[in-house]
Amino acid sequence: MTKFGEIISVDKPVLIDFYFDWEDAENSIETLRDVAAALGDRAKVIKIDIKKNEVLASALRVKGNPTFMIYKKGEMVWRQTGNQDANTLIGLVQQYI
């Protein structure tokens, strides 16, 4: 996997979903697909498994499932823990396009 710093340092917004592979993962994947489809190439949408990336999750103090973050040019500009619907996420990311 590409280094995290490289992923978040792009000019377009990057929406990241930190998740723990539980039963709700399928709903979350569907939501992120809707967000990615709506935003197209204007933003990146990434899903990161907390369990497989424990060091990164710990460094970012990810405690809840799911935790969403938006990065722009390497800086975190928004963060929220808990389920979010596709329309909310789309609206949030569009603020940073």
C-alpha atoms as a PDB file:
ATOM      1  CA  MET A   1       0.000   0.000   0.000  1.00  0.00           C
ATOM      2  CA  THR A   2       1.116   3.530  -0.742  1.00  0.00           C
ATOM      3  CA  LYS A   3       2.374   5.524   2.202  1.00  0.00           C
ATOM      4  CA  PHE A   4      -0.364   7.445   3.976  1.00  0.00           C
ATOM      5  CA  GLY A   5       1.412  10.779   3.519  1.00  0.00           C
ATOM      6  CA  GLU A   6       1.425  10.310  -0.252  1.00  0.00           C
ATOM      7  CA  ILE A   7      -2.287   9.488  -0.284  1.00  0.00           C
ATOM      8  CA  ILE A   8      -3.350  12.591   1.632  1.00  0.00           C
ATOM      9  CA  SER A   9      -0.955  15.125   0.109  1.00  0.00           C
ATOM     10  CA  VAL A  10      -2.847  15.562  -3.173  1.00  0.00           C
ATOM     11  CA  ASP A  11      -4.633  18.782  -4.177  1.00  0.00           C
ATOM     12  CA  LYS A  12      -8.103  17.224  -4.254  1.00  0.00           C
ATOM     13  CA  PRO A  13      -9.933  16.261  -1.057  1.00  0.00           C
ATOM     14  CA  VAL A  14      -9.442  12.734   0.265  1.00  0.00           C
ATOM     15  CA  LEU A  15     -12.283  11.120   2.230  1.00  0.00           C
ATOM     16  CA  ILE A  16     -11.064   8.273   4.413  1.00  0.00           C
ATOM     17  CA  ASP A  17     -13.267   5.764   6.191  1.00  0.00           C
ATOM     18  CA  PHE A  18     -11.442   4.007   9.016  1.00  0.00           C
ATOM     19  CA  TYR A  19     -13.480   0.917   9.801  1.00  0.00           C
ATOM     20  CA  PHE A  20     -13.306  -2.309  11.753  1.00  0.00           C
ATOM     21  CA  ASP A  21     -14.604  -5.212   9.676  1.00  0.00           C
ATOM     22  CA  TRP A  22     -17.908  -5.798  11.422  1.00  0.00           C
ATOM     23  CA  GLU A  23     -21.371  -6.578  10.110  1.00  0.00           C
ATOM     24  CA  ASP A  24     -22.007  -2.958   9.043  1.00  0.00           C
ATOM     25  CA  ALA A  25     -19.049  -3.016   6.659  1.00  0.00           C
ATOM     26  CA  GLU A  26     -21.273  -3.881   3.665  1.00  0.00           C
ATOM     27  CA  ASN A  27     -23.534  -0.864   4.280  1.00  0.00           C
ATOM     28  CA  SER A  28     -20.475   1.346   4.618  1.00  0.00           C
ATOM     29  CA  ILE A  29     -19.014   0.056   1.355  1.00  0.00           C
ATOM     30  CA  GLU A  30     -22.274   0.820  -0.451  1.00  0.00           C
ATOM     31  CA  THR A  31     -22.323   4.335   1.020  1.00  0.00           C
ATOM     32  CA  LEU A  32     -18.745   4.978  -0.070  1.00  0.00           C
ATOM     33  CA  ARG A  33     -19.484   3.695  -3.570  1.00  0.00           C
ATOM     34  CA  ASP A  34     -22.313   6.213  -3.814  1.00  0.00           C
ATOM     35  CA  VAL A  35     -20.024   8.999  -2.583  1.00  0.00           C
ATOM     36  CA  ALA A  36     -17.247   8.047  -5.013  1.00  0.00           C
ATOM     37  CA  ALA A  37     -19.703   7.863  -7.918  1.00  0.00           C
ATOM     38  CA  ALA A  38     -21.155  11.285  -7.114  1.00  0.00           C
ATOM     39  CA  LEU A  39     -17.765  12.976  -6.740  1.00  0.00           C
ATOM     40  CA  GLY A  40     -16.004  11.276  -9.649  1.00  0.00           C
ATOM     41  CA  ASP A  41     -12.398  12.329 -10.099  1.00  0.00           C
ATOM     42  CA  ARG A  42     -12.863  15.536  -8.072  1.00  0.00           C
ATOM     43  CA  ALA A  43     -12.015  13.653  -4.854  1.00  0.00           C
ATOM     44  CA  LYS A  44     -10.503  10.414  -3.592  1.00  0.00           C
ATOM     45  CA  VAL A  45     -12.501   8.007  -1.430  1.00  0.00           C
ATOM     46  CA  ILE A  46     -10.532   5.455   0.583  1.00  0.00           C
ATOM     47  CA  LYS A  47     -11.493   2.769   3.085  1.00  0.00           C
ATOM     48  CA  ILE A  48      -8.871   1.676   5.654  1.00  0.00           C
ATOM     49  CA  ASP A  49      -9.258  -1.375   7.918  1.00  0.00           C
ATOM     50  CA  ILE A  50      -8.326  -0.360  11.472  1.00  0.00           C
ATOM     51  CA  LYS A  51      -7.257  -3.886  12.412  1.00  0.00           C
ATOM     52  CA  LYS A  52      -4.880  -4.208   9.437  1.00  0.00           C
ATOM     53  CA  ASN A  53      -3.484  -0.698   9.985  1.00  0.00           C
ATOM     54  CA  GLU A  54      -3.263  -0.525  13.773  1.00  0.00           C
ATOM     55  CA  VAL A  55      -0.161   1.696  13.849  1.00  0.00           C
ATOM     56  CA  LEU A  56      -1.744   4.298  11.561  1.00  0.00           C
ATOM     57  CA  ALA A  57      -5.082   4.172  13.408  1.00  0.00           C
ATOM     58  CA  SER A  58      -3.306   4.592  16.729  1.00  0.00           C
ATOM     59  CA  ALA A  59      -1.205   7.488  15.437  1.00  0.00           C
ATOM     60  CA  LEU A  60      -4.393   9.241  14.265  1.00  0.00           C
ATOM     61  CA  ARG A  61      -6.186   8.351  17.524  1.00  0.00           C
ATOM     62  CA  VAL A  62      -8.968   6.475  15.777  1.00  0.00           C
ATOM     63  CA  LYS A  63     -11.098   5.064  18.589  1.00  0.00           C
ATOM     64  CA  GLY A  64     -14.556   4.652  17.058  1.00  0.00           C
ATOM     65  CA  ASN A  65     -15.988   2.635  14.224  1.00  0.00           C
ATOM     66  CA  PRO A  66     -16.337   4.065  11.678  1.00  0.00           C
ATOM     67  CA  THR A  67     -14.238   7.207  11.788  1.00  0.00           C
ATOM     68  CA  PHE A  68     -14.346   9.462   8.738  1.00  0.00           C
ATOM     69  CA  MET A  69     -11.690  12.037   7.879  1.00  0.00           C
ATOM     70  CA  ILE A  70     -11.264  14.499   5.049  1.00  0.00           C
ATOM     71  CA  TYR A  71      -7.752  15.601   4.108  1.00  0.00           C
ATOM     72  CA  LYS A  72      -6.798  18.358   1.688  1.00  0.00           C
ATOM     73  CA  LYS A  73      -3.159  18.980   0.720  1.00  0.00           C
ATOM     74  CA  GLY A  74      -1.954  16.834   3.612  1.00  0.00           C
ATOM     75  CA  GLU A  75      -4.020  18.582   6.290  1.00  0.00           C
ATOM     76  CA  MET A  76      -7.006  17.091   8.080  1.00  0.00           C
ATOM     77  CA  VAL A  77      -9.920  19.477   7.518  1.00  0.00           C
ATOM     78  CA  TRP A  78     -12.794  17.415   8.956  1.00  0.00           C
ATOM     79  CA  ARG A  79     -13.264  14.385  11.204  1.00  0.00           C
ATOM     80  CA  GLN A  80     -16.303  12.571  12.582  1.00  0.00           C
ATOM     81  CA  THR A  81     -16.871   9.242  14.293  1.00  0.00           C
ATOM     82  CA  GLY A  82     -20.086   7.349  13.647  1.00  0.00           C
ATOM     83  CA  ASN A  83     -22.169   6.377  10.652  1.00  0.00           C
ATOM     84  CA  GLN A  84     -22.740   9.018   7.992  1.00  0.00           C
ATOM     85  CA  ASP A  85     -25.103   8.847   5.034  1.00  0.00           C
ATOM     86  CA  ALA A  86     -23.861   9.324   1.473  1.00  0.00           C
ATOM     87  CA  ASN A  87     -25.518  12.726   0.964  1.00  0.00           C
ATOM     88  CA  THR A  88     -23.904  14.137   4.104  1.00  0.00           C
ATOM     89  CA  LEU A  89     -20.463  12.889   3.076  1.00  0.00           C
ATOM     90  CA  ILE A  90     -20.886  14.205  -0.471  1.00  0.00           C
ATOM     91  CA  GLY A  91     -21.852  17.652   0.848  1.00  0.00           C
ATOM     92  CA  LEU A  92     -18.895  17.724   3.238  1.00  0.00           C
ATOM     93  CA  VAL A  93     -16.345  16.725   0.604  1.00  0.00           C
ATOM     94  CA  GLN A  94     -17.774  19.229  -1.902  1.00  0.00           C
ATOM     95  CA  GLN A  95     -16.906  22.046   0.512  1.00  0.00           C
ATOM     96  CA  TYR A  96     -13.227  21.300  -0.114  1.00  0.00           C
ATOM     97  CA  ILE A  97     -13.278  20.838  -3.903  1.00  0.00           C
END
